[in-house]
PDB file of N, CA and C in Angstrom:
ATOM      1  N   MET A   1     -43.609   5.431 131.492  1.00  0.00           N
ATOM      2  CA  MET A   1     -44.317   6.519 132.155  1.00  0.00           C
ATOM      3  C   MET A   1     -44.365   7.707 131.195  1.00  0.00           C
ATOM      4  N   SER A   2     -45.445   8.413 131.226  1.00  0.00           N
ATOM      5  CA  SER A   2     -45.629   9.565 130.349  1.00  0.00           C
ATOM      6  C   SER A   2     -45.239  10.859 131.069  1.00  0.00           C
ATOM      7  N   LEU A   3     -45.134  11.910 130.298  1.00  0.00           N
ATOM      8  CA  LEU A   3     -44.842  13.226 130.856  1.00  0.00           C
ATOM      9  C   LEU A   3     -45.907  13.604 131.881  1.00  0.00           C
ATOM     10  N   ASP A   4     -47.171  13.331 131.565  1.00  0.00           N
ATOM     11  CA  ASP A   4     -48.258  13.669 132.484  1.00  0.00           C
ATOM     12  C   ASP A   4     -48.155  12.907 133.803  1.00  0.00           C
ATOM     13  N   SER A   5     -47.805  11.625 133.737  1.00  0.00           N
ATOM     14  CA  SER A   5     -47.718  10.850 134.976  1.00  0.00           C
ATOM     15  C   SER A   5     -46.520  11.278 135.818  1.00  0.00           C
ATOM     16  N   ILE A   6     -45.415  11.667 135.176  1.00  0.00           N
ATOM     17  CA  ILE A   6     -44.269  12.191 135.921  1.00  0.00           C
ATOM     18  C   ILE A   6     -44.640  13.520 136.575  1.00  0.00           C
ATOM     19  N   ALA A   7     -45.336  14.371 135.824  1.00  0.00           N
ATOM     20  CA  ALA A   7     -45.784  15.652 136.379  1.00  0.00           C
ATOM     21  C   ALA A   7     -46.716  15.427 137.563  1.00  0.00           C
ATOM     22  N   ASP A   8     -47.650  14.479 137.434  1.00  0.00           N
ATOM     23  CA  ASP A   8     -48.575  14.182 138.533  1.00  0.00           C
ATOM     24  C   ASP A   8     -47.824  13.715 139.774  1.00  0.00           C
ATOM     25  N   GLU A   9     -46.841  12.855 139.581  1.00  0.00           N
ATOM     26  CA  GLU A   9     -46.062  12.337 140.712  1.00  0.00           C
ATOM     27  C   GLU A   9     -45.290  13.473 141.396  1.00  0.00           C
ATOM     28  N   LEU A  10     -44.676  14.347 140.616  1.00  0.00           N
ATOM     29  CA  LEU A  10     -43.947  15.476 141.196  1.00  0.00           C
ATOM     30  C   LEU A  10     -44.906  16.424 141.916  1.00  0.00           C
ATOM     31  N   ARG A  11     -46.080  16.663 141.329  1.00  0.00           N
ATOM     32  CA  ARG A  11     -47.060  17.559 141.972  1.00  0.00           C
ATOM     33  C   ARG A  11     -47.529  17.011 143.311  1.00  0.00           C
ATOM     34  N   ARG A  12     -47.674  15.695 143.413  1.00  0.00           N
ATOM     35  CA  ARG A  12     -48.090  15.095 144.676  1.00  0.00           C
ATOM     36  C   ARG A  12     -47.056  15.329 145.776  1.00  0.00           C
ATOM     37  N   ASN A  13     -45.824  15.569 145.387  1.00  0.00           N
ATOM     38  CA  ASN A  13     -44.735  15.725 146.352  1.00  0.00           C
ATOM     39  C   ASN A  13     -44.066  17.097 146.266  1.00  0.00           C
ATOM     40  N   LEU A  14     -44.788  18.099 145.810  1.00  0.00           N
ATOM     41  CA  LEU A  14     -44.182  19.422 145.606  1.00  0.00           C
ATOM     42  C   LEU A  14     -43.583  20.015 146.880  1.00  0.00           C
ATOM     43  N   MET A  15     -44.197  19.781 148.015  1.00  0.00           N
ATOM     44  CA  MET A  15     -43.679  20.383 149.251  1.00  0.00           C
ATOM     45  C   MET A  15     -42.298  19.841 149.604  1.00  0.00           C
ATOM     46  N   ARG A  16     -41.936  18.724 149.020  1.00  0.00           N
ATOM     47  CA  ARG A  16     -40.581  18.179 149.206  1.00  0.00           C
ATOM     48  C   ARG A  16     -39.534  19.186 148.703  1.00  0.00           C
ATOM     49  N   PHE A  17     -39.928  20.037 147.735  1.00  0.00           N
ATOM     50  CA  PHE A  17     -38.993  20.971 147.123  1.00  0.00           C
ATOM     51  C   PHE A  17     -39.056  22.369 147.728  1.00  0.00           C
ATOM     52  N   ALA A  18     -39.810  22.522 148.815  1.00  0.00           N
ATOM     53  CA  ALA A  18     -39.824  23.798 149.532  1.00  0.00           C
ATOM     54  C   ALA A  18     -38.413  24.053 150.050  1.00  0.00           C
ATOM     55  N   GLY A  19     -37.930  25.246 149.872  1.00  0.00           N
ATOM     56  CA  GLY A  19     -36.573  25.563 150.300  1.00  0.00           C
ATOM     57  C   GLY A  19     -35.533  25.355 149.220  1.00  0.00           C
ATOM     58  N   LEU A  20     -35.940  24.896 148.040  1.00  0.00           N
ATOM     59  CA  LEU A  20     -34.990  24.740 146.929  1.00  0.00           C
ATOM     60  C   LEU A  20     -34.422  26.101 146.539  1.00  0.00           C
ATOM     61  N   ASN A  21     -35.301  27.110 146.486  1.00  0.00           N
ATOM     62  CA  ASN A  21     -34.909  28.500 146.192  1.00  0.00           C
ATOM     63  C   ASN A  21     -34.270  28.676 144.822  1.00  0.00           C
ATOM     64  N   HIS A  22     -34.595  27.798 143.892  1.00  0.00           N
ATOM     65  CA  HIS A  22     -34.073  27.875 142.523  1.00  0.00           C
ATOM     66  C   HIS A  22     -35.124  27.355 141.554  1.00  0.00           C
ATOM     67  N   THR A  23     -34.917  27.619 140.274  1.00  0.00           N
ATOM     68  CA  THR A  23     -35.779  27.076 139.232  1.00  0.00           C
ATOM     69  C   THR A  23     -35.016  25.988 138.485  1.00  0.00           C
ATOM     70  N   VAL A  24     -35.724  24.890 138.213  1.00  0.00           N
ATOM     71  CA  VAL A  24     -35.118  23.744 137.543  1.00  0.00           C
ATOM     72  C   VAL A  24     -36.044  23.289 136.417  1.00  0.00           C
ATOM     73  N   LYS A  25     -35.461  23.066 135.257  1.00  0.00           N
ATOM     74  CA  LYS A  25     -36.219  22.550 134.127  1.00  0.00           C
ATOM     75  C   LYS A  25     -35.807  21.105 133.874  1.00  0.00           C
ATOM     76  N   PHE A  26     -36.797  20.244 133.706  1.00  0.00           N
ATOM     77  CA  PHE A  26     -36.575  18.873 133.267  1.00  0.00           C
ATOM     78  C   PHE A  26     -36.898  18.863 131.779  1.00  0.00           C
ATOM     79  N   ALA A  27     -35.899  18.625 130.936  1.00  0.00           N
ATOM     80  CA  ALA A  27     -36.104  18.550 129.488  1.00  0.00           C
ATOM     81  C   ALA A  27     -35.945  17.091 129.080  1.00  0.00           C
ATOM     82  N   PHE A  28     -36.998  16.534 128.505  1.00  0.00           N
ATOM     83  CA  PHE A  28     -37.014  15.107 128.215  1.00  0.00           C
ATOM     84  C   PHE A  28     -36.592  14.808 126.787  1.00  0.00           C
ATOM     85  N   ASP A  29     -35.829  13.736 126.628  1.00  0.00           N
ATOM     86  CA  ASP A  29     -35.320  13.324 125.317  1.00  0.00           C
ATOM     87  C   ASP A  29     -36.452  13.122 124.321  1.00  0.00           C
ATOM     88  N   GLU A  30     -37.591  12.646 124.791  1.00  0.00           N
ATOM     89  CA  GLU A  30     -38.723  12.348 123.921  1.00  0.00           C
ATOM     90  C   GLU A  30     -39.547  13.593 123.583  1.00  0.00           C
ATOM     91  N   GLY A  31     -39.173  14.725 124.180  1.00  0.00           N
ATOM     92  CA  GLY A  31     -39.912  15.970 123.991  1.00  0.00           C
ATOM     93  C   GLY A  31     -40.681  16.325 125.250  1.00  0.00           C
ATOM     94  N   GLY A  32     -40.938  17.578 125.423  1.00  0.00           N
ATOM     95  CA  GLY A  32     -41.670  18.066 126.584  1.00  0.00           C
ATOM     96  C   GLY A  32     -40.736  18.497 127.697  1.00  0.00           C
ATOM     97  N   VAL A  33     -41.255  19.388 128.530  1.00  0.00           N
ATOM     98  CA  VAL A  33     -40.490  19.904 129.659  1.00  0.00           C
ATOM     99  C   VAL A  33     -41.391  20.022 130.878  1.00  0.00           C
ATOM    100  N   LEU A  34     -40.758  20.019 132.027  1.00  0.00           N
ATOM    101  CA  LEU A  34     -41.402  20.363 133.287  1.00  0.00           C
ATOM    102  C   LEU A  34     -40.545  21.446 133.925  1.00  0.00           C
ATOM    103  N   LEU A  35     -41.174  22.499 134.389  1.00  0.00           N
ATOM    104  CA  LEU A  35     -40.462  23.603 135.010  1.00  0.00           C
ATOM    105  C   LEU A  35     -40.864  23.678 136.477  1.00  0.00           C
ATOM    106  N   LEU A  36     -39.897  23.400 137.344  1.00  0.00           N
ATOM    107  CA  LEU A  36     -40.095  23.428 138.789  1.00  0.00           C
ATOM    108  C   LEU A  36     -39.605  24.770 139.321  1.00  0.00           C
ATOM    109  N   ASP A  37     -40.506  25.505 139.962  1.00  0.00           N
ATOM    110  CA  ASP A  37     -40.133  26.792 140.549  1.00  0.00           C
ATOM    111  C   ASP A  37     -40.113  26.636 142.065  1.00  0.00           C
ATOM    112  N   GLY A  38     -38.910  26.510 142.593  1.00  0.00           N
ATOM    113  CA  GLY A  38     -38.728  26.374 144.031  1.00  0.00           C
ATOM    114  C   GLY A  38     -38.448  27.698 144.703  1.00  0.00           C
ATOM    115  N   THR A  39     -38.650  28.809 143.981  1.00  0.00           N
ATOM    116  CA  THR A  39     -38.424  30.129 144.572  1.00  0.00           C
ATOM    117  C   THR A  39     -39.674  30.650 145.256  1.00  0.00           C
ATOM    118  N   VAL A  40     -40.793  29.959 145.086  1.00  0.00           N
ATOM    119  CA  VAL A  40     -42.054  30.375 145.688  1.00  0.00           C
ATOM    120  C   VAL A  40     -42.523  29.301 146.671  1.00  0.00           C
ATOM    121  N   THR A  41     -43.392  29.714 147.588  1.00  0.00           N
ATOM    122  CA  THR A  41     -43.947  28.769 148.544  1.00  0.00           C
ATOM    123  C   THR A  41     -45.464  28.816 148.418  1.00  0.00           C
ATOM    124  N   PRO A  42     -46.091  27.703 148.118  1.00  0.00           N
ATOM    125  CA  PRO A  42     -45.495  26.394 147.823  1.00  0.00           C
ATOM    126  C   PRO A  42     -44.854  26.381 146.441  1.00  0.00           C
ATOM    127  N   PRO A  43     -43.917  25.479 146.230  1.00  0.00           N
ATOM    128  CA  PRO A  43     -43.285  25.347 144.912  1.00  0.00           C
ATOM    129  C   PRO A  43     -44.342  25.036 143.852  1.00  0.00           C
ATOM    130  N   THR A  44     -44.044  25.403 142.606  1.00  0.00           N
ATOM    131  CA  THR A  44     -44.976  25.137 141.511  1.00  0.00           C
ATOM    132  C   THR A  44     -44.297  24.301 140.441  1.00  0.00           C
ATOM    133  N   LEU A  45     -45.123  23.614 139.652  1.00  0.00           N
ATOM    134  CA  LEU A  45     -44.638  22.804 138.543  1.00  0.00           C
ATOM    135  C   LEU A  45     -45.487  23.112 137.332  1.00  0.00           C
ATOM    136  N   SER A  46     -44.836  23.365 136.205  1.00  0.00           N
ATOM    137  CA  SER A  46     -45.528  23.723 134.982  1.00  0.00           C
ATOM    138  C   SER A  46     -44.994  22.897 133.822  1.00  0.00           C
ATOM    139  N   THR A  47     -45.841  22.689 132.823  1.00  0.00           N
ATOM    140  CA  THR A  47     -45.388  22.030 131.589  1.00  0.00           C
ATOM    141  C   THR A  47     -45.021  23.065 130.532  1.00  0.00           C
ATOM    142  N   GLU A  48     -45.080  24.339 130.897  1.00  0.00           N
ATOM    143  CA  GLU A  48     -44.692  25.414 129.987  1.00  0.00           C
ATOM    144  C   GLU A  48     -43.181  25.587 130.009  1.00  0.00           C
ATOM    145  N   ASP A  49     -42.598  25.770 128.847  1.00  0.00           N
ATOM    146  CA  ASP A  49     -41.157  25.994 128.767  1.00  0.00           C
ATOM    147  C   ASP A  49     -40.849  27.401 129.254  1.00  0.00           C
ATOM    148  N   GLY A  50     -39.718  27.569 129.880  1.00  0.00           N
ATOM    149  CA  GLY A  50     -39.314  28.875 130.373  1.00  0.00           C
ATOM    150  C   GLY A  50     -37.872  28.838 130.826  1.00  0.00           C
ATOM    151  N   GLU A  51     -37.396  29.969 131.296  1.00  0.00           N
ATOM    152  CA  GLU A  51     -36.031  30.072 131.787  1.00  0.00           C
ATOM    153  C   GLU A  51     -35.892  29.363 133.122  1.00  0.00           C
ATOM    154  N   ALA A  52     -34.752  28.710 133.303  1.00  0.00           N
ATOM    155  CA  ALA A  52     -34.450  28.052 134.574  1.00  0.00           C
ATOM    156  C   ALA A  52     -32.964  28.198 134.847  1.00  0.00           C
ATOM    157  N   GLU A  53     -32.617  28.213 136.109  1.00  0.00           N
ATOM    158  CA  GLU A  53     -31.207  28.304 136.482  1.00  0.00           C
ATOM    159  C   GLU A  53     -30.453  27.041 136.081  1.00  0.00           C
ATOM    160  N   THR A  54     -31.141  25.911 136.168  1.00  0.00           N
ATOM    161  CA  THR A  54     -30.519  24.625 135.878  1.00  0.00           C
ATOM    162  C   THR A  54     -31.478  23.788 135.043  1.00  0.00           C
ATOM    163  N   THR A  55     -30.940  23.125 134.034  1.00  0.00           N
ATOM    164  CA  THR A  55     -31.737  22.233 133.195  1.00  0.00           C
ATOM    165  C   THR A  55     -31.184  20.825 133.299  1.00  0.00           C
ATOM    166  N   LEU A  56     -32.078  19.888 133.590  1.00  0.00           N
ATOM    167  CA  LEU A  56     -31.732  18.476 133.636  1.00  0.00           C
ATOM    168  C   LEU A  56     -32.278  17.828 132.372  1.00  0.00           C
ATOM    169  N   ARG A  57     -31.411  17.179 131.608  1.00  0.00           N
ATOM    170  CA  ARG A  57     -31.825  16.513 130.374  1.00  0.00           C
ATOM    171  C   ARG A  57     -31.732  15.007 130.585  1.00  0.00           C
ATOM    172  N   LEU A  58     -32.866  14.323 130.347  1.00  0.00           N
ATOM    173  CA  LEU A  58     -32.916  12.881 130.563  1.00  0.00           C
ATOM    174  C   LEU A  58     -34.136  12.306 129.860  1.00  0.00           C
ATOM    175  N   SER A  59     -34.203  10.988 129.814  1.00  0.00           N
ATOM    176  CA  SER A  59     -35.353  10.321 129.206  1.00  0.00           C
ATOM    177  C   SER A  59     -36.494  10.246 130.225  1.00  0.00           C
ATOM    178  N   LEU A  60     -37.702  10.035 129.718  1.00  0.00           N
ATOM    179  CA  LEU A  60     -38.851   9.858 130.605  1.00  0.00           C
ATOM    180  C   LEU A  60     -38.653   8.638 131.497  1.00  0.00           C
ATOM    181  N   ASP A  61     -38.091   7.569 130.933  1.00  0.00           N
ATOM    182  CA  ASP A  61     -37.846   6.349 131.696  1.00  0.00           C
ATOM    183  C   ASP A  61     -36.896   6.610 132.862  1.00  0.00           C
ATOM    184  N   ASN A  62     -35.806   7.332 132.601  1.00  0.00           N
ATOM    185  CA  ASN A  62     -34.861   7.632 133.677  1.00  0.00           C
ATOM    186  C   ASN A  62     -35.446   8.610 134.692  1.00  0.00           C
ATOM    187  N   ALA A  63     -36.303   9.521 134.239  1.00  0.00           N
ATOM    188  CA  ALA A  63     -36.969  10.432 135.177  1.00  0.00           C
ATOM    189  C   ALA A  63     -37.860   9.645 136.126  1.00  0.00           C
ATOM    190  N   GLU A  64     -38.585   8.673 135.588  1.00  0.00           N
ATOM    191  CA  GLU A  64     -39.431   7.825 136.422  1.00  0.00           C
ATOM    192  C   GLU A  64     -38.595   7.109 137.476  1.00  0.00           C
ATOM    193  N   LYS A  65     -37.447   6.579 137.066  1.00  0.00           N
ATOM    194  CA  LYS A  65     -36.579   5.865 138.000  1.00  0.00           C
ATOM    195  C   LYS A  65     -36.003   6.796 139.067  1.00  0.00           C
ATOM    196  N   LEU A  66     -35.633   8.026 138.665  1.00  0.00           N
ATOM    197  CA  LEU A  66     -35.121   8.996 139.641  1.00  0.00           C
ATOM    198  C   LEU A  66     -36.173   9.323 140.692  1.00  0.00           C
ATOM    199  N   ILE A  67     -37.391   9.580 140.235  1.00  0.00           N
ATOM    200  CA  ILE A  67     -38.469   9.957 141.142  1.00  0.00           C
ATOM    201  C   ILE A  67     -38.818   8.799 142.082  1.00  0.00           C
ATOM    202  N   ALA A  68     -38.781   7.577 141.539  1.00  0.00           N
ATOM    203  CA  ALA A  68     -39.105   6.395 142.337  1.00  0.00           C
ATOM    204  C   ALA A  68     -37.977   6.013 143.286  1.00  0.00           C
ATOM    205  N   GLY A  69     -36.789   6.584 143.072  1.00  0.00           N
ATOM    206  CA  GLY A  69     -35.651   6.270 143.934  1.00  0.00           C
ATOM    207  C   GLY A  69     -34.864   5.052 143.495  1.00  0.00           C
ATOM    208  N   SER A  70     -35.162   4.512 142.311  1.00  0.00           N
ATOM    209  CA  SER A  70     -34.442   3.328 141.840  1.00  0.00           C
ATOM    210  C   SER A  70     -33.229   3.674 140.969  1.00  0.00           C
ATOM    211  N   LEU A  71     -33.010   4.973 140.713  1.00  0.00           N
ATOM    212  CA  LEU A  71     -31.824   5.429 139.986  1.00  0.00           C
ATOM    213  C   LEU A  71     -31.205   6.572 140.774  1.00  0.00           C
ATOM    214  N   ASN A  72     -29.994   6.379 141.236  1.00  0.00           N
ATOM    215  CA  ASN A  72     -29.276   7.391 141.997  1.00  0.00           C
ATOM    216  C   ASN A  72     -28.909   8.550 141.070  1.00  0.00           C
ATOM    217  N   PRO A  73     -29.231   9.794 141.438  1.00  0.00           N
ATOM    218  CA  PRO A  73     -28.937  10.940 140.582  1.00  0.00           C
ATOM    219  C   PRO A  73     -27.452  11.094 140.241  1.00  0.00           C
ATOM    220  N   THR A  74     -26.575  10.850 141.206  1.00  0.00           N
ATOM    221  CA  THR A  74     -25.137  10.968 140.962  1.00  0.00           C
ATOM    222  C   THR A  74     -24.673   9.907 139.981  1.00  0.00           C
ATOM    223  N   LEU A  75     -25.167   8.689 140.146  1.00  0.00           N
ATOM    224  CA  LEU A  75     -24.826   7.611 139.223  1.00  0.00           C
ATOM    225  C   LEU A  75     -25.365   7.905 137.830  1.00  0.00           C
ATOM    226  N   ALA A  76     -26.593   8.407 137.745  1.00  0.00           N
ATOM    227  CA  ALA A  76     -27.186   8.744 136.451  1.00  0.00           C
ATOM    228  C   ALA A  76     -26.334   9.784 135.730  1.00  0.00           C
ATOM    229  N   TYR A  77     -25.857  10.784 136.465  1.00  0.00           N
ATOM    230  CA  TYR A  77     -25.000  11.817 135.879  1.00  0.00           C
ATOM    231  C   TYR A  77     -23.677  11.209 135.409  1.00  0.00           C
ATOM    232  N   THR A  78     -23.079  10.380 136.246  1.00  0.00           N
ATOM    233  CA  THR A  78     -21.796   9.747 135.919  1.00  0.00           C
ATOM    234  C   THR A  78     -21.908   8.868 134.684  1.00  0.00           C
ATOM    235  N   LEU A  79     -23.021   8.150 134.543  1.00  0.00           N
ATOM    236  CA  LEU A  79     -23.216   7.246 133.415  1.00  0.00           C
ATOM    237  C   LEU A  79     -23.744   7.954 132.154  1.00  0.00           C
ATOM    238  N   GLY A  80     -23.989   9.249 132.249  1.00  0.00           N
ATOM    239  CA  GLY A  80     -24.474  10.002 131.094  1.00  0.00           C
ATOM    240  C   GLY A  80     -25.971   9.867 130.862  1.00  0.00           C
ATOM    241  N   LYS A  81     -26.691   9.293 131.814  1.00  0.00           N
ATOM    242  CA  LYS A  81     -28.146   9.163 131.687  1.00  0.00           C
ATOM    243  C   LYS A  81     -28.850  10.464 132.058  1.00  0.00           C
ATOM    244  N   LEU A  82     -28.110  11.354 132.692  1.00  0.00           N
ATOM    245  CA  LEU A  82     -28.606  12.651 133.124  1.00  0.00           C
ATOM    246  C   LEU A  82     -27.551  13.681 132.756  1.00  0.00           C
ATOM    247  N   LYS A  83     -27.977  14.696 132.006  1.00  0.00           N
ATOM    248  CA  LYS A  83     -27.071  15.781 131.639  1.00  0.00           C
ATOM    249  C   LYS A  83     -27.558  17.049 132.329  1.00  0.00           C
ATOM    250  N   ILE A  84     -26.612  17.854 132.782  1.00  0.00           N
ATOM    251  CA  ILE A  84     -26.944  19.053 133.548  1.00  0.00           C
ATOM    252  C   ILE A  84     -26.389  20.275 132.837  1.00  0.00           C
ATOM    253  N   ASP A  85     -27.272  21.240 132.576  1.00  0.00           N
ATOM    254  CA  ASP A  85     -26.874  22.549 132.049  1.00  0.00           C
ATOM    255  C   ASP A  85     -27.164  23.561 133.141  1.00  0.00           C
ATOM    256  N   GLY A  86     -26.173  24.337 133.509  1.00  0.00           N
ATOM    257  CA  GLY A  86     -26.373  25.322 134.564  1.00  0.00           C
ATOM    258  C   GLY A  86     -25.641  24.920 135.820  1.00  0.00           C
ATOM    259  N   SER A  87     -26.249  25.192 136.945  1.00  0.00           N
ATOM    260  CA  SER A  87     -25.600  25.013 138.235  1.00  0.00           C
ATOM    261  C   SER A  87     -25.610  23.560 138.701  1.00  0.00           C
ATOM    262  N   LEU A  88     -24.432  23.006 138.846  1.00  0.00           N
ATOM    263  CA  LEU A  88     -24.305  21.655 139.397  1.00  0.00           C
ATOM    264  C   LEU A  88     -24.727  21.645 140.867  1.00  0.00           C
ATOM    265  N   GLY A  89     -24.484  22.727 141.575  1.00  0.00           N
ATOM    266  CA  GLY A  89     -24.883  22.838 142.974  1.00  0.00           C
ATOM    267  C   GLY A  89     -26.392  22.735 143.145  1.00  0.00           C
ATOM    268  N   VAL A  90     -27.146  23.397 142.265  1.00  0.00           N
ATOM    269  CA  VAL A  90     -28.606  23.317 142.316  1.00  0.00           C
ATOM    270  C   VAL A  90     -29.049  21.891 142.023  1.00  0.00           C
ATOM    271  N   ALA A  91     -28.412  21.253 141.046  1.00  0.00           N
ATOM    272  CA  ALA A  91     -28.746  19.864 140.706  1.00  0.00           C
ATOM    273  C   ALA A  91     -28.484  18.939 141.897  1.00  0.00           C
ATOM    274  N   LEU A  92     -27.387  19.157 142.598  1.00  0.00           N
ATOM    275  CA  LEU A  92     -27.082  18.342 143.772  1.00  0.00           C
ATOM    276  C   LEU A  92     -28.085  18.570 144.899  1.00  0.00           C
ATOM    277  N   LYS A  93     -28.505  19.817 145.086  1.00  0.00           N
ATOM    278  CA  LYS A  93     -29.503  20.121 146.105  1.00  0.00           C
ATOM    279  C   LYS A  93     -30.817  19.422 145.763  1.00  0.00           C
ATOM    280  N   LEU A  94     -31.210  19.473 144.491  1.00  0.00           N
ATOM    281  CA  LEU A  94     -32.434  18.805 144.057  1.00  0.00           C
ATOM    282  C   LEU A  94     -32.309  17.288 144.240  1.00  0.00           C
ATOM    283  N   ALA A  95     -31.147  16.748 143.931  1.00  0.00           N
ATOM    284  CA  ALA A  95     -30.914  15.303 144.094  1.00  0.00           C
ATOM    285  C   ALA A  95     -31.142  14.896 145.548  1.00  0.00           C
ATOM    286  N   GLY A  96     -30.642  15.683 146.473  1.00  0.00           N
ATOM    287  CA  GLY A  96     -30.846  15.395 147.881  1.00  0.00           C
ATOM    288  C   GLY A  96     -32.310  15.410 148.269  1.00  0.00           C
ATOM    289  N   MET A  97     -33.075  16.322 147.674  1.00  0.00           N
ATOM    290  CA  MET A  97     -34.509  16.406 147.951  1.00  0.00           C
ATOM    291  C   MET A  97     -35.259  15.222 147.351  1.00  0.00           C
ATOM    292  N   LEU A  98     -34.799  14.735 146.205  1.00  0.00           N
ATOM    293  CA  LEU A  98     -35.432  13.571 145.579  1.00  0.00           C
ATOM    294  C   LEU A  98     -35.183  12.304 146.393  1.00  0.00           C
ATOM    295  N   GLU A  99     -34.038  12.251 147.064  1.00  0.00           N
ATOM    296  CA  GLU A  99     -33.685  11.055 147.819  1.00  0.00           C
ATOM    297  C   GLU A  99     -34.359  10.999 149.187  1.00  0.00           C
ATOM    298  N   ASP A 100     -34.895  12.133 149.671  1.00  0.00           N
ATOM    299  CA  ASP A 100     -35.552  12.153 150.988  1.00  0.00           C
ATOM    300  C   ASP A 100     -36.818  11.340 150.979  1.00  0.00           C
TER     301      ASP A 100
END
């Protein structure tokens, strides 16, 4: 899956992140970022780099699996497939929203 297809999938489900009340950056191992702003309604997603409270670092392949629900966020973190910079609480809140 490409950065564009992951962005498209997240955009189709942006309202899932309403109430996040935080900013989260997805930084991909292969390059590129997605910036999710859950502080606004409706939430927004951008491919522009910027400041975020929490940064999730992972591969595009693992991001695809997380979004599809075939990779548990907690397991990904435990196995080192997902690295978190910033608030672990925000990452856990986002994980819960991804699993809904």
